[in-house]
Structure formats: structure tokens, C-alpha cells
Amino acid sequence: MKVVADESVDKQIVDRVRTGGYDVLYIAELDPGMDDRAVLAKSRESRAVLLTSDKDFGELVFRQQLLHSGIVLIRLPGLEPAAKAEVVARAFEQHAAEFELGFAVLTERSLRIRQRI
């Protein structure tokens, strides 16, 4: 599975997802400051799941109805980057196939996936 990680995602998360065997394109390494619409388009064109901590992507997908190839919104406030990385890696290990189907919100205690209609 391909993943595009928005620059809002901690580097430790990106590194940990990569060690899990995923092909991760990290916007902070590719083109820092890239506009959210361009990031969403990049992930869609790459047929990659978008990994982000930026709630603005919900606006783009639900209100503006822009197309996507799956989004995982990380909501892990207060956790150290290493702990966040483990939570995200565990979610990918257990639910990666489901991420391609919709918009997921990952918290420390839950994972909610809203399927595409």
C-alpha cells in the first residue's frame, strides 16, 4: 500500500510506518508548504492513503466533496511522538485495507472509519 504523509505528521510516525513495509511519500521531504488541495490531489493521483493530523482535509472531503483515495486523520494530543508512532503503526497493521475505503479518525482509544458512499 502507498501512503502520502502530510507535513503535519511527525517524522517518527513516517519512519515507523515505513519500517512496517509501507511505501510512504512524506510531503515535508518532497515539497514543504504544499497546499492541502495539492496534497490531496497527490495522494489521489498516487492511489495512496493520505495520513494527516490536519483537520482541514475533512473540510475538503466532506464539505467541498473533493475525491480521495482514503484518509487517516491522526488525533493523538498529549502523546510523545514515539508513542504516536506505535499507535499509528498498530492501526496500519490491523486496518490498512479499510483505510482505502474511506475517512478514518484515529485516537488513542478508538478508530472510526467513515466509508465512502
Protein backbone atom coordinates (compact mmCIF):
# COMPACT_ATOMS: atom_id res chain seq x y z
CA MET A 1 0.00 0.00 0.00
CA LYS A 2 1.15 3.51 -0.77
CA VAL A 3 0.85 6.30 1.78
CA VAL A 4 1.23 10.05 1.42
CA ALA A 5 2.06 11.64 4.77
CA ASP A 6 1.13 15.30 5.10
CA GLU A 7 3.80 17.52 6.63
CA SER A 8 1.65 17.76 9.80
CA VAL A 9 2.65 14.17 10.59
CA ASP A 10 5.61 13.64 12.95
CA LYS A 11 8.73 12.24 11.29
CA GLN A 12 8.79 9.39 13.83
CA ILE A 13 5.36 8.28 12.61
CA VAL A 14 6.54 8.34 8.99
CA ASP A 15 9.67 6.34 9.87
CA ARG A 16 7.66 3.77 11.85
CA VAL A 17 5.09 3.29 9.06
CA ARG A 18 7.95 2.84 6.60
CA THR A 19 9.51 0.13 8.78
CA GLY A 20 6.13 -1.61 8.64
CA GLY A 21 6.69 -2.10 4.92
CA TYR A 22 4.62 0.76 3.54
CA ASP A 23 5.79 2.99 0.70
CA VAL A 24 5.49 6.46 2.30
CA LEU A 25 5.86 9.72 0.39
CA TYR A 26 6.44 12.43 3.03
CA ILE A 27 5.39 15.91 1.93
CA ALA A 28 7.89 17.52 4.35
CA GLU A 29 10.67 15.80 2.39
CA LEU A 30 9.17 16.36 -1.05
CA ASP A 31 7.66 19.86 -1.04
CA PRO A 32 7.25 21.56 2.36
CA GLY A 33 4.43 24.07 2.40
CA MET A 34 2.43 22.26 -0.28
CA ASP A 35 -1.20 23.42 -0.34
CA ASP A 36 -3.73 20.99 1.18
CA ARG A 37 -5.59 20.64 -2.12
CA ALA A 38 -2.33 19.73 -3.84
CA VAL A 39 -1.52 17.19 -1.12
CA LEU A 40 -4.95 15.61 -1.53
CA ALA A 41 -4.52 15.54 -5.32
CA LYS A 42 -1.04 14.00 -4.95
CA SER A 43 -2.39 11.19 -2.78
CA ARG A 44 -5.32 10.58 -5.13
CA GLU A 45 -3.07 10.54 -8.23
CA SER A 46 -0.69 8.15 -6.45
CA ARG A 47 -3.62 5.97 -5.33
CA ALA A 48 -2.24 6.39 -1.83
CA VAL A 49 -3.89 6.73 1.54
CA LEU A 50 -3.36 10.20 2.99
CA LEU A 51 -2.00 10.25 6.55
CA THR A 52 -2.51 13.59 8.28
CA SER A 53 -3.00 15.43 11.57
CA ASP A 54 -4.69 18.34 9.78
CA LYS A 55 -8.48 18.53 10.23
CA ASP A 56 -8.76 20.75 7.14
CA PHE A 57 -8.84 17.63 4.98
CA GLY A 58 -12.24 16.79 6.46
CA GLU A 59 -13.48 20.13 5.14
CA LEU A 60 -12.10 19.36 1.68
CA VAL A 61 -13.64 15.90 1.57
CA PHE A 62 -16.99 16.36 3.28
CA ARG A 63 -17.96 19.95 2.56
CA GLN A 64 -16.23 20.51 -0.76
CA GLN A 65 -16.67 16.85 -1.78
CA LEU A 66 -13.19 16.50 -3.27
CA LEU A 67 -12.22 13.00 -4.27
CA HIS A 68 -9.69 10.99 -2.27
CA SER A 69 -8.22 7.50 -2.07
CA GLY A 70 -8.55 7.15 1.69
CA ILE A 71 -7.59 9.42 4.59
CA VAL A 72 -6.37 8.66 8.11
CA LEU A 73 -6.68 11.63 10.46
CA ILE A 74 -4.41 11.26 13.49
CA ARG A 75 -5.86 12.76 16.70
CA LEU A 76 -3.34 11.87 19.42
CA PRO A 77 -2.81 15.01 21.52
CA GLY A 78 -0.55 14.74 24.52
CA LEU A 79 1.31 11.63 23.39
CA GLU A 80 5.03 11.65 22.75
CA PRO A 81 5.97 11.18 19.08
CA ALA A 82 7.29 7.65 19.69
CA ALA A 83 4.01 6.62 21.34
CA LYS A 84 2.03 8.20 18.48
CA ALA A 85 4.16 6.24 16.02
CA GLU A 86 3.29 2.96 17.73
CA VAL A 87 -0.45 3.73 17.79
CA VAL A 88 -0.41 4.59 14.08
CA ALA A 89 1.70 1.53 13.20
CA ARG A 90 -0.69 -0.74 15.10
CA ALA A 91 -3.65 0.78 13.25
CA PHE A 92 -1.94 0.12 9.91
CA GLU A 93 -1.12 -3.45 10.90
CA GLN A 94 -4.74 -4.17 11.80
CA HIS A 95 -6.78 -1.98 9.45
CA ALA A 96 -4.73 -0.90 6.42
CA ALA A 97 -7.14 -2.39 3.88
CA GLU A 98 -10.04 -0.49 5.44
CA PHE A 99 -8.21 2.85 5.12
CA GLU A 100 -8.53 2.70 1.35
CA LEU A 101 -12.29 2.73 1.70
CA GLY A 102 -12.94 5.97 3.50
CA PHE A 103 -12.08 8.61 6.06
CA ALA A 104 -10.62 7.26 9.31
CA VAL A 105 -10.13 9.13 12.58
CA LEU A 106 -7.55 7.55 14.85
CA THR A 107 -7.47 8.39 18.56
CA GLU A 108 -5.66 6.70 21.41
CA ARG A 109 -8.78 4.71 22.29
CA SER A 110 -10.64 4.32 19.03
CA LEU A 111 -10.59 4.12 15.27
CA ARG A 112 -13.65 5.33 13.38
CA ILE A 113 -13.87 4.76 9.65
CA ARG A 114 -16.49 6.51 7.59
CA GLN A 115 -16.97 4.54 4.39
CA ARG A 116 -17.19 6.30 1.05
CA ILE A 117 -20.70 6.45 -0.30
